[in-house]
Amino acid sequence: MVQAPLLDEPARDALRHATAALDTAERGGQAIAISQAMAHVAACYRHLNALASAEACYERALRWGRHAGAMDQVVDLLCELSDTIVRLAQAQDAQRAGGGRAARERARDHAFEAPTLAGRVADPGWEATVLLRISDVLDRCGDRDDAVQLQTRALRLMSGGPGNSGHDPNQLPGLGRLADG
């Protein structure tokens, strides 16, 4: 069994407000607004450590984001969803050795999709950030080689390689953490 949600009244209040905003968005019927509201609900669940509920909400937000054709939102949701699922896998592993295997596979599936879509986001500079976020998820899944490849790709983008976005690699905290390990 996964760790019980924290009894954090401010976080529960935030969840109540987020679900009310979701109700409003659903009444409005705009896919992007529903996706964003559902992502906020998911983040509230994650803050409460209700990781399975957070995963389900991020999945729903992702479906709405895809429906809206909001590529930036979809890529961000893939990052958030992957991170949430890998946290769930770690919690399941802590309770039973190997218990998080299925969750890790789901995290990988979403994590591998994000970099393929990252080149299509509105802000080309954001691609490197996405690559680094996903490399961290893959590293926590045990996919060290894939994580390092994504870091290398991010470094190339930031340092003037093909598709350079003009970012300074020295501005990213922890860059090279995996590559140096």
Protein backbone atom coordinates (compact mmCIF):
# COMPACT_ATOMS: atom_id res chain seq x y z
CA MET A 1 0.00 0.00 0.00
CA VAL A 2 1.25 3.48 -0.90
CA GLN A 3 1.95 6.02 1.84
CA ALA A 4 -1.25 7.62 3.19
CA PRO A 5 -1.95 11.20 2.13
CA LEU A 6 -0.71 13.84 4.51
CA LEU A 7 -3.18 15.55 6.82
CA ASP A 8 -2.36 19.03 5.59
CA GLU A 9 -5.39 21.31 5.92
CA PRO A 10 -4.05 24.13 3.69
CA ALA A 11 -3.30 21.56 0.99
CA ARG A 12 -6.78 20.09 1.36
CA ASP A 13 -8.22 23.60 1.02
CA ALA A 14 -6.18 24.08 -2.14
CA LEU A 15 -7.60 20.80 -3.45
CA ARG A 16 -11.15 21.96 -2.70
CA HIS A 17 -10.52 25.22 -4.57
CA ALA A 18 -8.90 23.35 -7.47
CA THR A 19 -11.86 20.99 -7.80
CA ALA A 20 -14.25 23.96 -7.75
CA ALA A 21 -12.21 25.57 -10.54
CA LEU A 22 -12.35 22.28 -12.44
CA ASP A 23 -16.14 22.23 -12.11
CA THR A 24 -16.25 25.75 -13.55
CA ALA A 25 -13.91 24.79 -16.41
CA GLU A 26 -16.00 21.72 -17.22
CA ARG A 27 -19.15 23.84 -17.36
CA GLY A 28 -17.34 26.16 -19.79
CA GLY A 29 -16.44 23.22 -22.03
CA GLN A 30 -13.07 24.61 -23.19
CA ALA A 31 -10.60 21.71 -23.50
CA ILE A 32 -7.50 23.76 -22.61
CA ALA A 33 -9.17 25.23 -19.51
CA ILE A 34 -10.29 21.77 -18.41
CA SER A 35 -6.78 20.42 -18.97
CA GLN A 36 -5.20 23.21 -16.93
CA ALA A 37 -7.76 22.87 -14.12
CA MET A 38 -7.33 19.10 -14.01
CA ALA A 39 -3.55 19.53 -13.86
CA HIS A 40 -4.00 21.85 -10.88
CA VAL A 41 -6.13 19.19 -9.15
CA ALA A 42 -3.41 16.63 -9.89
CA ALA A 43 -0.74 18.89 -8.40
CA CYS A 44 -2.84 19.29 -5.25
CA TYR A 45 -3.17 15.52 -4.94
CA ARG A 46 0.57 15.15 -5.44
CA HIS A 47 1.21 17.70 -2.70
CA LEU A 48 -0.99 15.58 -0.43
CA ASN A 49 1.08 12.52 -1.44
CA ALA A 50 -2.01 10.92 -3.00
CA LEU A 51 0.10 9.83 -5.94
CA ALA A 52 -2.34 7.38 -7.54
CA SER A 53 -5.04 10.06 -7.60
CA ALA A 54 -2.51 12.56 -8.96
CA GLU A 55 -1.56 10.13 -11.73
CA ALA A 56 -5.20 9.64 -12.71
CA CYS A 57 -5.80 13.39 -12.82
CA TYR A 58 -2.65 14.06 -14.86
CA GLU A 59 -3.76 11.33 -17.30
CA ARG A 60 -7.12 13.04 -17.69
CA ALA A 61 -5.48 16.46 -18.06
CA LEU A 62 -3.22 15.00 -20.74
CA ARG A 63 -6.21 13.66 -22.69
CA TRP A 64 -7.85 17.10 -22.58
CA GLY A 65 -4.58 18.80 -23.56
CA ARG A 66 -4.23 16.50 -26.56
CA HIS A 67 -7.85 17.19 -27.50
CA ALA A 68 -7.15 20.93 -27.36
CA GLY A 69 -4.02 20.54 -29.49
CA ALA A 70 -2.04 22.42 -26.83
CA MET A 71 1.46 21.06 -27.50
CA ASP A 72 3.16 23.07 -24.73
CA GLN A 73 0.57 21.85 -22.23
CA VAL A 74 0.91 18.25 -23.44
CA VAL A 75 4.70 18.27 -23.06
CA ASP A 76 4.50 19.84 -19.60
CA LEU A 77 1.86 17.30 -18.55
CA LEU A 78 4.01 14.43 -19.80
CA CYS A 79 6.84 15.73 -17.60
CA GLU A 80 4.57 16.13 -14.56
CA LEU A 81 2.90 12.77 -15.13
CA SER A 82 6.23 10.96 -15.54
CA ASP A 83 7.60 12.55 -12.38
CA THR A 84 4.47 11.67 -10.41
CA ILE A 85 4.47 8.06 -11.57
CA VAL A 86 8.14 7.56 -10.76
CA ARG A 87 7.45 8.92 -7.26
CA LEU A 88 4.62 6.40 -6.98
CA ALA A 89 6.99 3.63 -8.12
CA GLN A 90 9.53 4.63 -5.49
CA ALA A 91 6.85 4.59 -2.78
CA GLN A 92 5.66 1.16 -3.94
CA ASP A 93 9.25 -0.15 -3.97
CA ALA A 94 9.73 1.12 -0.42
CA GLN A 95 6.77 -0.98 0.69
CA ARG A 96 7.65 -4.09 -1.29
CA ALA A 97 10.78 -4.80 -3.29
CA GLY A 98 9.91 -4.62 -6.98
CA GLY A 99 6.42 -3.31 -6.21
CA GLY A 100 6.93 -0.25 -8.38
CA ARG A 101 7.91 -2.09 -11.57
CA ALA A 102 4.59 -1.49 -13.40
CA ALA A 103 4.54 2.17 -12.35
CA ARG A 104 8.14 2.62 -13.56
CA GLU A 105 7.14 1.22 -16.96
CA ARG A 106 4.26 3.71 -17.18
CA ALA A 107 6.63 6.52 -16.20
CA ARG A 108 9.08 5.46 -18.93
CA ASP A 109 6.35 5.36 -21.57
CA HIS A 110 5.35 8.96 -20.84
CA ALA A 111 8.95 10.07 -20.35
CA PHE A 112 10.04 8.80 -23.74
CA GLU A 113 7.18 10.61 -25.46
CA ALA A 114 8.05 14.03 -24.02
CA PRO A 115 11.43 14.52 -25.76
CA THR A 116 9.95 13.56 -29.13
CA LEU A 117 7.35 16.31 -28.75
CA ALA A 118 9.64 18.86 -27.09
CA GLY A 119 10.92 20.20 -30.40
CA ARG A 120 7.38 21.29 -31.30
CA VAL A 121 6.77 23.59 -28.32
CA ALA A 122 6.23 27.32 -28.87
CA ASP A 123 9.40 28.35 -27.01
CA PRO A 124 12.40 26.55 -28.53
CA GLY A 125 14.47 27.33 -25.44
CA TRP A 126 12.11 25.29 -23.33
CA GLU A 127 13.14 22.11 -25.14
CA ALA A 128 16.38 21.87 -23.14
CA THR A 129 14.48 22.28 -19.87
CA VAL A 130 12.11 19.49 -20.88
CA LEU A 131 15.03 17.24 -21.78
CA LEU A 132 16.60 17.81 -18.38
CA ARG A 133 13.32 17.18 -16.54
CA ILE A 134 12.83 13.92 -18.39
CA SER A 135 16.47 12.87 -17.95
CA ASP A 136 15.94 13.14 -14.20
CA VAL A 137 12.83 10.93 -14.40
CA LEU A 138 14.64 8.35 -16.52
CA ASP A 139 17.58 8.33 -14.12
CA ARG A 140 15.19 7.62 -11.23
CA CYS A 141 13.70 4.79 -13.34
CA GLY A 142 17.18 3.30 -13.68
CA ASP A 143 17.61 4.29 -17.34
CA ARG A 144 20.95 6.01 -16.82
CA ASP A 145 22.15 5.77 -20.44
CA ASP A 146 18.96 7.34 -21.80
CA ALA A 147 19.14 10.02 -19.12
CA VAL A 148 22.69 10.93 -20.10
CA GLN A 149 21.74 11.03 -23.79
CA LEU A 150 18.97 13.53 -23.03
CA GLN A 151 21.36 15.64 -20.95
CA THR A 152 23.84 15.63 -23.82
CA ARG A 153 21.10 16.70 -26.22
CA ALA A 154 20.11 19.51 -23.82
CA LEU A 155 23.73 20.65 -23.54
CA ARG A 156 24.05 20.72 -27.31
CA LEU A 157 20.91 22.88 -27.56
CA MET A 158 22.17 25.31 -24.93
CA SER A 159 25.75 25.57 -26.12
CA GLY A 160 25.29 26.45 -29.76
CA GLY A 161 24.83 23.08 -31.38
CA PRO A 162 22.15 22.42 -33.98
CA GLY A 163 18.89 23.99 -32.86
CA ASN A 164 20.62 26.19 -30.28
CA SER A 165 18.11 28.22 -28.34
CA GLY A 166 20.65 30.74 -27.10
CA HIS A 167 20.65 29.56 -23.49
CA ASP A 168 23.73 29.57 -21.32
CA PRO A 169 24.39 26.06 -19.96
CA ASN A 170 25.85 27.61 -16.80
CA GLN A 171 22.38 28.90 -15.90
CA LEU A 172 20.92 25.44 -15.37
CA PRO A 173 21.39 24.07 -11.88
CA GLY A 174 22.63 20.53 -11.58
CA LEU A 175 23.50 20.18 -15.26
CA GLY A 176 25.99 17.38 -15.61
CA ARG A 177 24.89 15.81 -12.35
CA LEU A 178 24.10 12.54 -14.16
CA ALA A 179 26.80 12.86 -16.78
CA ASP A 180 29.48 13.37 -14.12
CA GLY A 181 28.23 10.46 -11.96
